């Protein structure tokens, strides 16, 4: 657990249809060690809150949070590296950090205390599925460009060998290292070769059969970063073999990693699909 008091931002949100007007207030979380931006819902009714997790860009995932906020959900956009007081690189991030954030979010006014939705993209999608495999109170995961396994971390200096992306109780989670078997043609090829050359005995697999949540995976067939479509198929195959229709994979043939951000654009079919799946339809 981080010992330093982190800064978070509280955003008081007032909705007029689908438009958002927000004023921000900075405050210190004296008993909750995390960095985030919180958008309360304007609804007086108790709602399920959404935890939003970005990817290898780090910092606050405000871009990803925006359509969730626009849909009316109380939303916490959470940073887990590359922000003040946090690790600067995506390596050995403690899962206990997210326990603090989840507990705080579920304790907010008009938020259901025993249920949570997680939305993540790329490394944040890997993380969302990992957290859901360890927390029965997560009721839904919407993961864009997900991973079926725990990967090595991502360092700015690619000549260094990264440790695992995540730790639990001070120990690195078993992960797949970057281990190509031949010449590498781009990042997707690096990840694909490393996946094919794994020697972990499947111990790096995310335990998706422990997930109780409804899972929606969205991928682009032309993903140039990692083989998200293949990994999404693996996830749904495992989950649906155990519990029919628990996992849904939506693949877009012409889109790249993060769906070319098109799901963030209001009024598009893919944005409508994202919101529809977020709401459970």
C-alpha atoms as a PDB file:
ATOM      1  CA  UNK A   1       0.000   0.000   0.000  1.00  0.00           C
ATOM      2  CA  UNK A   2       1.262   3.435  -0.784  1.00  0.00           C
ATOM      3  CA  UNK A   3       2.021   5.401   2.370  1.00  0.00           C
ATOM      4  CA  UNK A   4       2.071   8.828   0.809  1.00  0.00           C
ATOM      5  CA  UNK A   5      -1.160  10.811   0.759  1.00  0.00           C
ATOM      6  CA  UNK A   6      -2.182  11.254  -2.851  1.00  0.00           C
ATOM      7  CA  UNK A   7      -4.090  14.038  -4.505  1.00  0.00           C
ATOM      8  CA  UNK A   8      -7.406  13.346  -6.137  1.00  0.00           C
ATOM      9  CA  UNK A   9      -9.853  15.580  -7.882  1.00  0.00           C
ATOM     10  CA  UNK A  10     -13.529  15.694  -7.128  1.00  0.00           C
ATOM     11  CA  UNK A  11     -15.668  16.758 -10.021  1.00  0.00           C
ATOM     12  CA  UNK A  12     -19.145  17.922  -9.203  1.00  0.00           C
ATOM     13  CA  UNK A  13     -21.131  17.074 -12.301  1.00  0.00           C
ATOM     14  CA  UNK A  14     -24.405  18.546 -13.394  1.00  0.00           C
ATOM     15  CA  UNK A  15     -26.143  16.965 -16.351  1.00  0.00           C
ATOM     16  CA  UNK A  16     -28.432  18.601 -18.871  1.00  0.00           C
ATOM     17  CA  UNK A  17     -29.374  15.811 -21.247  1.00  0.00           C
ATOM     18  CA  UNK A  18     -26.080  14.430 -22.470  1.00  0.00           C
ATOM     19  CA  UNK A  19     -24.036  17.579 -21.874  1.00  0.00           C
ATOM     20  CA  UNK A  20     -21.650  17.864 -18.957  1.00  0.00           C
ATOM     21  CA  UNK A  21     -20.770  20.975 -17.008  1.00  0.00           C
ATOM     22  CA  UNK A  22     -18.270  20.305 -14.257  1.00  0.00           C
ATOM     23  CA  UNK A  23     -16.304  22.287 -11.696  1.00  0.00           C
ATOM     24  CA  UNK A  24     -13.325  20.640 -10.067  1.00  0.00           C
ATOM     25  CA  UNK A  25     -12.209  20.751  -6.462  1.00  0.00           C
ATOM     26  CA  UNK A  26      -8.838  19.392  -5.346  1.00  0.00           C
ATOM     27  CA  UNK A  27      -8.658  17.636  -2.014  1.00  0.00           C
ATOM     28  CA  UNK A  28      -6.390  15.255  -0.106  1.00  0.00           C
ATOM     29  CA  UNK A  29      -7.583  11.746   0.674  1.00  0.00           C
ATOM     30  CA  UNK A  30      -6.170  11.297   4.143  1.00  0.00           C
ATOM     31  CA  UNK A  31      -7.282   7.687   4.491  1.00  0.00           C
ATOM     32  CA  UNK A  32      -7.352   6.623   0.858  1.00  0.00           C
ATOM     33  CA  UNK A  33      -4.105   6.408  -1.019  1.00  0.00           C
ATOM     34  CA  UNK A  34      -4.872   6.822  -4.683  1.00  0.00           C
ATOM     35  CA  UNK A  35      -4.896   9.358  -7.484  1.00  0.00           C
ATOM     36  CA  UNK A  36      -8.155   9.855  -9.329  1.00  0.00           C
ATOM     37  CA  UNK A  37     -10.839  12.126 -10.654  1.00  0.00           C
ATOM     38  CA  UNK A  38     -14.360  11.508  -9.386  1.00  0.00           C
ATOM     39  CA  UNK A  39     -17.515  12.479 -11.229  1.00  0.00           C
ATOM     40  CA  UNK A  40     -20.632  12.026  -9.058  1.00  0.00           C
ATOM     41  CA  UNK A  41     -23.927  11.408 -10.785  1.00  0.00           C
ATOM     42  CA  UNK A  42     -26.600  14.079 -10.626  1.00  0.00           C
ATOM     43  CA  UNK A  43     -29.208  11.391  -9.938  1.00  0.00           C
ATOM     44  CA  UNK A  44     -30.698  11.179  -6.457  1.00  0.00           C
ATOM     45  CA  UNK A  45     -31.182   7.442  -6.906  1.00  0.00           C
ATOM     46  CA  UNK A  46     -28.598   4.917  -5.777  1.00  0.00           C
ATOM     47  CA  UNK A  47     -26.552   3.702  -8.750  1.00  0.00           C
ATOM     48  CA  UNK A  48     -23.767   1.308  -9.585  1.00  0.00           C
ATOM     49  CA  UNK A  49     -20.495   3.223  -9.857  1.00  0.00           C
ATOM     50  CA  UNK A  50     -17.904   2.735 -12.593  1.00  0.00           C
ATOM     51  CA  UNK A  51     -14.147   2.470 -12.099  1.00  0.00           C
ATOM     52  CA  UNK A  52     -12.254   3.515 -15.248  1.00  0.00           C
ATOM     53  CA  UNK A  53      -8.730   2.226 -15.937  1.00  0.00           C
ATOM     54  CA  UNK A  54      -6.479   3.518 -18.696  1.00  0.00           C
ATOM     55  CA  UNK A  55      -3.648   1.719 -20.434  1.00  0.00           C
ATOM     56  CA  UNK A  56       0.059   2.136 -21.017  1.00  0.00           C
ATOM     57  CA  UNK A  57      -0.303   5.901 -21.448  1.00  0.00           C
ATOM     58  CA  UNK A  58      -0.663   6.200 -17.674  1.00  0.00           C
ATOM     59  CA  UNK A  59      -2.029   9.169 -15.772  1.00  0.00           C
ATOM     60  CA  UNK A  60      -5.724   9.901 -15.413  1.00  0.00           C
ATOM     61  CA  UNK A  61      -7.913   8.143 -18.026  1.00  0.00           C
ATOM     62  CA  UNK A  62     -10.178  11.144 -18.550  1.00  0.00           C
ATOM     63  CA  UNK A  63     -10.759  10.471 -22.256  1.00  0.00           C
ATOM     64  CA  UNK A  64     -12.033   6.961 -21.542  1.00  0.00           C
ATOM     65  CA  UNK A  65     -14.104   8.199 -18.599  1.00  0.00           C
ATOM     66  CA  UNK A  66     -15.984  10.823 -20.604  1.00  0.00           C
ATOM     67  CA  UNK A  67     -18.560   8.575 -22.346  1.00  0.00           C
ATOM     68  CA  UNK A  68     -19.179   6.795 -19.036  1.00  0.00           C
ATOM     69  CA  UNK A  69     -19.800  10.121 -17.308  1.00  0.00           C
ATOM     70  CA  UNK A  70     -22.013  11.249 -20.184  1.00  0.00           C
ATOM     71  CA  UNK A  71     -24.086   8.095 -19.676  1.00  0.00           C
ATOM     72  CA  UNK A  72     -24.875   9.302 -16.157  1.00  0.00           C
ATOM     73  CA  UNK A  73     -22.779   6.964 -14.027  1.00  0.00           C
ATOM     74  CA  UNK A  74     -20.890   8.008 -10.887  1.00  0.00           C
ATOM     75  CA  UNK A  75     -17.377   7.502 -12.221  1.00  0.00           C
ATOM     76  CA  UNK A  76     -13.865   7.317 -10.808  1.00  0.00           C
ATOM     77  CA  UNK A  77     -11.106   7.776 -13.396  1.00  0.00           C
ATOM     78  CA  UNK A  78      -8.148   6.187 -11.644  1.00  0.00           C
ATOM     79  CA  UNK A  79      -4.435   6.664 -12.310  1.00  0.00           C
ATOM     80  CA  UNK A  80      -2.102   3.851 -11.307  1.00  0.00           C
ATOM     81  CA  UNK A  81       1.220   5.048 -12.703  1.00  0.00           C
ATOM     82  CA  UNK A  82       2.729   8.109 -14.400  1.00  0.00           C
ATOM     83  CA  UNK A  83       1.089  10.553 -11.987  1.00  0.00           C
ATOM     84  CA  UNK A  84       2.312  12.510  -8.959  1.00  0.00           C
ATOM     85  CA  UNK A  85       3.252  10.181  -6.124  1.00  0.00           C
ATOM     86  CA  UNK A  86       2.787   7.029  -8.184  1.00  0.00           C
ATOM     87  CA  UNK A  87       5.308   4.798  -9.982  1.00  0.00           C
ATOM     88  CA  UNK A  88       6.435   6.461 -13.176  1.00  0.00           C
ATOM     89  CA  UNK A  89       6.491   3.230 -15.157  1.00  0.00           C
ATOM     90  CA  UNK A  90       4.067   0.341 -15.558  1.00  0.00           C
ATOM     91  CA  UNK A  91       5.854  -2.288 -13.530  1.00  0.00           C
ATOM     92  CA  UNK A  92       5.109  -4.047 -10.222  1.00  0.00           C
ATOM     93  CA  UNK A  93       1.910  -2.100  -9.539  1.00  0.00           C
ATOM     94  CA  UNK A  94       0.363  -3.464  -6.298  1.00  0.00           C
ATOM     95  CA  UNK A  95      -3.188  -4.779  -6.616  1.00  0.00           C
ATOM     96  CA  UNK A  96      -3.836  -3.541  -3.075  1.00  0.00           C
ATOM     97  CA  UNK A  97      -3.810  -0.008  -4.475  1.00  0.00           C
ATOM     98  CA  UNK A  98      -7.031  -0.753  -6.348  1.00  0.00           C
ATOM     99  CA  UNK A  99      -8.710  -2.184  -3.258  1.00  0.00           C
ATOM    100  CA  UNK A 100      -8.406   1.242  -1.642  1.00  0.00           C
ATOM    101  CA  UNK A 101      -9.932   2.967  -4.660  1.00  0.00           C
ATOM    102  CA  UNK A 102     -12.793   0.477  -5.023  1.00  0.00           C
ATOM    103  CA  UNK A 103     -13.711   0.756  -1.349  1.00  0.00           C
ATOM    104  CA  UNK A 104     -13.712   4.546  -1.485  1.00  0.00           C
ATOM    105  CA  UNK A 105     -15.842   4.621  -4.628  1.00  0.00           C
ATOM    106  CA  UNK A 106     -18.481   2.263  -3.226  1.00  0.00           C
ATOM    107  CA  UNK A 107     -18.745   4.391  -0.070  1.00  0.00           C
ATOM    108  CA  UNK A 108     -19.832   7.555  -1.902  1.00  0.00           C
ATOM    109  CA  UNK A 109     -23.317   9.053  -1.655  1.00  0.00           C
ATOM    110  CA  UNK A 110     -25.933   7.448  -3.912  1.00  0.00           C
ATOM    111  CA  UNK A 111     -23.531   4.668  -4.912  1.00  0.00           C
ATOM    112  CA  UNK A 112     -24.482   1.026  -4.425  1.00  0.00           C
ATOM    113  CA  UNK A 113     -22.062  -0.345  -1.818  1.00  0.00           C
ATOM    114  CA  UNK A 114     -22.016  -3.970  -2.955  1.00  0.00           C
ATOM    115  CA  UNK A 115     -21.630  -3.706  -6.723  1.00  0.00           C
ATOM    116  CA  UNK A 116     -19.167  -2.147  -9.172  1.00  0.00           C
ATOM    117  CA  UNK A 117     -18.570  -1.877 -12.926  1.00  0.00           C
ATOM    118  CA  UNK A 118     -15.041  -1.651 -14.335  1.00  0.00           C
ATOM    119  CA  UNK A 119     -14.211  -0.201 -17.746  1.00  0.00           C
ATOM    120  CA  UNK A 120     -10.655  -0.517 -19.041  1.00  0.00           C
ATOM    121  CA  UNK A 121      -8.693  -0.427 -22.241  1.00  0.00           C
ATOM    122  CA  UNK A 122      -5.485  -2.245 -23.238  1.00  0.00           C
ATOM    123  CA  UNK A 123      -3.369  -2.709 -20.082  1.00  0.00           C
ATOM    124  CA  UNK A 124      -6.342  -1.344 -18.163  1.00  0.00           C
ATOM    125  CA  UNK A 125      -8.471  -4.090 -19.734  1.00  0.00           C
ATOM    126  CA  UNK A 126      -5.930  -6.681 -18.585  1.00  0.00           C
ATOM    127  CA  UNK A 127      -6.136  -5.121 -15.137  1.00  0.00           C
ATOM    128  CA  UNK A 128      -9.954  -4.955 -15.135  1.00  0.00           C
ATOM    129  CA  UNK A 129     -10.227  -8.686 -15.812  1.00  0.00           C
ATOM    130  CA  UNK A 130      -7.563  -9.456 -13.230  1.00  0.00           C
ATOM    131  CA  UNK A 131      -9.393  -7.439 -10.563  1.00  0.00           C
ATOM    132  CA  UNK A 132     -12.720  -9.043 -11.470  1.00  0.00           C
ATOM    133  CA  UNK A 133     -11.180 -12.495 -11.035  1.00  0.00           C
ATOM    134  CA  UNK A 134     -10.451 -11.580  -7.413  1.00  0.00           C
ATOM    135  CA  UNK A 135     -13.576  -9.599  -6.448  1.00  0.00           C
ATOM    136  CA  UNK A 136     -17.089 -11.059  -6.519  1.00  0.00           C
ATOM    137  CA  UNK A 137     -18.648  -7.605  -6.076  1.00  0.00           C
ATOM    138  CA  UNK A 138     -17.589  -6.548  -9.564  1.00  0.00           C
ATOM    139  CA  UNK A 139     -20.795  -7.032 -11.530  1.00  0.00           C
ATOM    140  CA  UNK A 140     -19.668  -6.066 -15.024  1.00  0.00           C
ATOM    141  CA  UNK A 141     -16.468  -5.551 -17.004  1.00  0.00           C
ATOM    142  CA  UNK A 142     -16.324  -3.707 -20.312  1.00  0.00           C
ATOM    143  CA  UNK A 143     -12.830  -4.282 -21.685  1.00  0.00           C
ATOM    144  CA  UNK A 144     -11.490  -2.747 -24.887  1.00  0.00           C
ATOM    145  CA  UNK A 145      -8.490  -4.535 -26.463  1.00  0.00           C
ATOM    146  CA  UNK A 146      -8.111  -6.967 -23.545  1.00  0.00           C
ATOM    147  CA  UNK A 147      -5.486  -9.521 -22.588  1.00  0.00           C
ATOM    148  CA  UNK A 148      -6.136 -13.055 -21.409  1.00  0.00           C
ATOM    149  CA  UNK A 149      -2.838 -13.200 -19.516  1.00  0.00           C
ATOM    150  CA  UNK A 150      -0.652 -11.170 -17.192  1.00  0.00           C
ATOM    151  CA  UNK A 151       2.155  -9.572 -19.174  1.00  0.00           C
ATOM    152  CA  UNK A 152       5.519  -8.142 -18.288  1.00  0.00           C
ATOM    153  CA  UNK A 153       5.513  -4.472 -17.443  1.00  0.00           C
ATOM    154  CA  UNK A 154       6.295  -1.710 -19.909  1.00  0.00           C
ATOM    155  CA  UNK A 155       9.420   0.380 -19.416  1.00  0.00           C
ATOM    156  CA  UNK A 156      10.510   3.483 -21.259  1.00  0.00           C
ATOM    157  CA  UNK A 157      13.870   1.845 -21.894  1.00  0.00           C
ATOM    158  CA  UNK A 158      13.092  -1.193 -24.051  1.00  0.00           C
ATOM    159  CA  UNK A 159      16.659  -2.482 -23.602  1.00  0.00           C
ATOM    160  CA  UNK A 160      15.791  -3.358 -19.991  1.00  0.00           C
ATOM    161  CA  UNK A 161      13.906  -6.504 -18.998  1.00  0.00           C
ATOM    162  CA  UNK A 162      10.711  -5.552 -17.154  1.00  0.00           C
ATOM    163  CA  UNK A 163       9.333  -7.411 -14.179  1.00  0.00           C
ATOM    164  CA  UNK A 164       5.652  -8.319 -13.921  1.00  0.00           C
ATOM    165  CA  UNK A 165       3.110  -5.555 -14.429  1.00  0.00           C
ATOM    166  CA  UNK A 166       1.409  -6.380 -11.115  1.00  0.00           C
ATOM    167  CA  UNK A 167       2.152  -7.575  -7.587  1.00  0.00           C
ATOM    168  CA  UNK A 168      -0.007  -9.004  -4.821  1.00  0.00           C
ATOM    169  CA  UNK A 169       1.048  -9.138  -1.169  1.00  0.00           C
ATOM    170  CA  UNK A 170       4.483  -7.965  -2.244  1.00  0.00           C
ATOM    171  CA  UNK A 171       5.011 -10.770  -4.752  1.00  0.00           C
ATOM    172  CA  UNK A 172       5.152 -10.429  -8.521  1.00  0.00           C
ATOM    173  CA  UNK A 173       2.292 -12.103 -10.351  1.00  0.00           C
ATOM    174  CA  UNK A 174       3.392 -14.798 -12.765  1.00  0.00           C
ATOM    175  CA  UNK A 175       3.684 -13.131 -16.135  1.00  0.00           C
ATOM    176  CA  UNK A 176       4.657 -13.725 -19.734  1.00  0.00           C
ATOM    177  CA  UNK A 177       7.964 -12.018 -20.569  1.00  0.00           C
ATOM    178  CA  UNK A 178       8.804 -10.564 -23.936  1.00  0.00           C
ATOM    179  CA  UNK A 179      10.468 -13.519 -25.648  1.00  0.00           C
ATOM    180  CA  UNK A 180      10.367 -13.512 -29.444  1.00  0.00           C
ATOM    181  CA  UNK A 181      11.694 -16.511 -31.315  1.00  0.00           C
ATOM    182  CA  UNK A 182      12.782 -14.630 -34.429  1.00  0.00           C
ATOM    183  CA  UNK A 183      12.736 -11.235 -36.140  1.00  0.00           C
ATOM    184  CA  UNK A 184       9.971  -8.994 -34.823  1.00  0.00           C
ATOM    185  CA  UNK A 185       7.698  -7.013 -37.112  1.00  0.00           C
ATOM    186  CA  UNK A 186       6.015  -4.549 -34.780  1.00  0.00           C
ATOM    187  CA  UNK A 187       4.498  -4.758 -31.306  1.00  0.00           C
ATOM    188  CA  UNK A 188       1.699  -7.175 -32.157  1.00  0.00           C
ATOM    189  CA  UNK A 189       4.262  -9.615 -33.509  1.00  0.00           C
ATOM    190  CA  UNK A 190       6.344  -9.221 -30.338  1.00  0.00           C
ATOM    191  CA  UNK A 191       3.353 -10.069 -28.155  1.00  0.00           C
ATOM    192  CA  UNK A 192       2.185 -12.880 -30.441  1.00  0.00           C
ATOM    193  CA  UNK A 193       5.611 -14.524 -30.516  1.00  0.00           C
ATOM    194  CA  UNK A 194       5.974 -14.143 -26.759  1.00  0.00           C
ATOM    195  CA  UNK A 195       2.551 -15.722 -26.251  1.00  0.00           C
ATOM    196  CA  UNK A 196       3.493 -18.623 -28.512  1.00  0.00           C
ATOM    197  CA  UNK A 197       6.801 -19.121 -26.671  1.00  0.00           C
ATOM    198  CA  UNK A 198       5.405 -19.042 -23.135  1.00  0.00           C
ATOM    199  CA  UNK A 199       6.837 -21.579 -20.691  1.00  0.00           C
ATOM    200  CA  UNK A 200       4.817 -20.670 -17.604  1.00  0.00           C
ATOM    201  CA  UNK A 201       2.536 -23.709 -17.681  1.00  0.00           C
ATOM    202  CA  UNK A 202      -0.439 -21.349 -18.112  1.00  0.00           C
ATOM    203  CA  UNK A 203       0.185 -19.860 -14.661  1.00  0.00           C
ATOM    204  CA  UNK A 204       0.126 -16.367 -16.188  1.00  0.00           C
ATOM    205  CA  UNK A 205      -3.450 -16.869 -17.397  1.00  0.00           C
ATOM    206  CA  UNK A 206      -5.957 -14.534 -15.797  1.00  0.00           C
ATOM    207  CA  UNK A 207      -8.350 -16.778 -13.847  1.00  0.00           C
ATOM    208  CA  UNK A 208     -11.372 -15.756 -15.877  1.00  0.00           C
ATOM    209  CA  UNK A 209     -13.404 -18.708 -14.610  1.00  0.00           C
ATOM    210  CA  UNK A 210     -13.304 -17.053 -11.187  1.00  0.00           C
ATOM    211  CA  UNK A 211     -15.022 -13.966 -12.602  1.00  0.00           C
ATOM    212  CA  UNK A 212     -18.663 -13.631 -11.561  1.00  0.00           C
ATOM    213  CA  UNK A 213     -19.219 -10.460 -13.554  1.00  0.00           C
ATOM    214  CA  UNK A 214     -20.841 -10.124 -16.938  1.00  0.00           C
ATOM    215  CA  UNK A 215     -17.952  -9.487 -19.359  1.00  0.00           C
ATOM    216  CA  UNK A 216     -18.072  -7.569 -22.639  1.00  0.00           C
ATOM    217  CA  UNK A 217     -14.918  -7.507 -24.771  1.00  0.00           C
ATOM    218  CA  UNK A 218     -14.481  -5.123 -27.704  1.00  0.00           C
ATOM    219  CA  UNK A 219     -11.593  -5.565 -30.149  1.00  0.00           C
ATOM    220  CA  UNK A 220     -10.316  -4.324 -33.488  1.00  0.00           C
ATOM    221  CA  UNK A 221      -9.261  -7.009 -35.957  1.00  0.00           C
ATOM    222  CA  UNK A 222      -6.395  -4.769 -37.137  1.00  0.00           C
ATOM    223  CA  UNK A 223      -4.992  -4.257 -33.626  1.00  0.00           C
ATOM    224  CA  UNK A 224      -1.313  -3.432 -34.178  1.00  0.00           C
ATOM    225  CA  UNK A 225      -0.318  -3.491 -30.491  1.00  0.00           C
ATOM    226  CA  UNK A 226      -1.170  -7.005 -29.353  1.00  0.00           C
ATOM    227  CA  UNK A 227      -3.388  -9.921 -30.492  1.00  0.00           C
ATOM    228  CA  UNK A 228      -6.465  -8.723 -28.628  1.00  0.00           C
ATOM    229  CA  UNK A 229      -8.986 -10.579 -30.860  1.00  0.00           C
ATOM    230  CA  UNK A 230      -7.256 -13.911 -30.222  1.00  0.00           C
ATOM    231  CA  UNK A 231      -6.990 -13.253 -26.487  1.00  0.00           C
ATOM    232  CA  UNK A 232     -10.624 -12.109 -26.296  1.00  0.00           C
ATOM    233  CA  UNK A 233     -11.722 -15.331 -27.985  1.00  0.00           C
ATOM    234  CA  UNK A 234      -9.709 -17.323 -25.447  1.00  0.00           C
ATOM    235  CA  UNK A 235     -11.388 -15.468 -22.581  1.00  0.00           C
ATOM    236  CA  UNK A 236     -14.928 -15.959 -23.860  1.00  0.00           C
ATOM    237  CA  UNK A 237     -14.326 -19.597 -24.795  1.00  0.00           C
ATOM    238  CA  UNK A 238     -13.271 -20.370 -21.225  1.00  0.00           C
ATOM    239  CA  UNK A 239     -15.986 -18.335 -19.542  1.00  0.00           C
ATOM    240  CA  UNK A 240     -18.867 -19.477 -21.732  1.00  0.00           C
ATOM    241  CA  UNK A 241     -17.868 -23.119 -21.404  1.00  0.00           C
ATOM    242  CA  UNK A 242     -18.485 -22.737 -17.686  1.00  0.00           C
ATOM    243  CA  UNK A 243     -21.398 -20.277 -17.745  1.00  0.00           C
ATOM    244  CA  UNK A 244     -23.192 -19.818 -21.057  1.00  0.00           C
ATOM    245  CA  UNK A 245     -23.380 -16.242 -22.400  1.00  0.00           C
ATOM    246  CA  UNK A 246     -21.418 -14.755 -19.485  1.00  0.00           C
ATOM    247  CA  UNK A 247     -18.867 -13.313 -21.916  1.00  0.00           C
ATOM    248  CA  UNK A 248     -19.492 -11.459 -25.176  1.00  0.00           C
ATOM    249  CA  UNK A 249     -16.814 -10.581 -27.730  1.00  0.00           C
ATOM    250  CA  UNK A 250     -17.559  -7.841 -30.261  1.00  0.00           C
ATOM    251  CA  UNK A 251     -14.939  -7.628 -33.004  1.00  0.00           C
ATOM    252  CA  UNK A 252     -14.669  -4.780 -35.524  1.00  0.00           C
ATOM    253  CA  UNK A 253     -12.956  -5.899 -38.722  1.00  0.00           C
ATOM    254  CA  UNK A 254     -11.571  -2.551 -39.884  1.00  0.00           C
ATOM    255  CA  UNK A 255     -10.444  -1.060 -36.567  1.00  0.00           C
ATOM    256  CA  UNK A 256      -7.095  -0.947 -34.788  1.00  0.00           C
ATOM    257  CA  UNK A 257      -6.088  -0.978 -31.123  1.00  0.00           C
ATOM    258  CA  UNK A 258      -8.565   0.896 -28.891  1.00  0.00           C
ATOM    259  CA  UNK A 259     -11.004   0.772 -31.818  1.00  0.00           C
ATOM    260  CA  UNK A 260      -9.357   3.882 -33.293  1.00  0.00           C
ATOM    261  CA  UNK A 261     -11.064   5.802 -30.444  1.00  0.00           C
ATOM    262  CA  UNK A 262     -14.271   5.783 -32.501  1.00  0.00           C
ATOM    263  CA  UNK A 263     -16.323   4.492 -29.587  1.00  0.00           C
ATOM    264  CA  UNK A 264     -15.626   7.820 -27.857  1.00  0.00           C
ATOM    265  CA  UNK A 265     -17.396   9.785 -30.605  1.00  0.00           C
ATOM    266  CA  UNK A 266     -20.989  10.627 -29.713  1.00  0.00           C
ATOM    267  CA  UNK A 267     -23.622   9.624 -32.215  1.00  0.00           C
ATOM    268  CA  UNK A 268     -21.602   6.854 -33.840  1.00  0.00           C
ATOM    269  CA  UNK A 269     -22.831   3.270 -33.997  1.00  0.00           C
ATOM    270  CA  UNK A 270     -19.833   2.054 -32.030  1.00  0.00           C
ATOM    271  CA  UNK A 271     -20.388   4.654 -29.295  1.00  0.00           C
ATOM    272  CA  UNK A 272     -24.021   3.558 -29.092  1.00  0.00           C
ATOM    273  CA  UNK A 273     -22.862  -0.062 -28.800  1.00  0.00           C
ATOM    274  CA  UNK A 274     -20.396   0.810 -26.037  1.00  0.00           C
ATOM    275  CA  UNK A 275     -23.062   2.636 -24.007  1.00  0.00           C
ATOM    276  CA  UNK A 276     -25.593  -0.104 -24.694  1.00  0.00           C
ATOM    277  CA  UNK A 277     -23.247  -2.780 -23.340  1.00  0.00           C
ATOM    278  CA  UNK A 278     -22.275  -0.596 -20.390  1.00  0.00           C
ATOM    279  CA  UNK A 279     -25.950  -0.340 -19.461  1.00  0.00           C
ATOM    280  CA  UNK A 280     -26.411  -4.065 -19.784  1.00  0.00           C
ATOM    281  CA  UNK A 281     -28.395  -4.445 -22.984  1.00  0.00           C
END
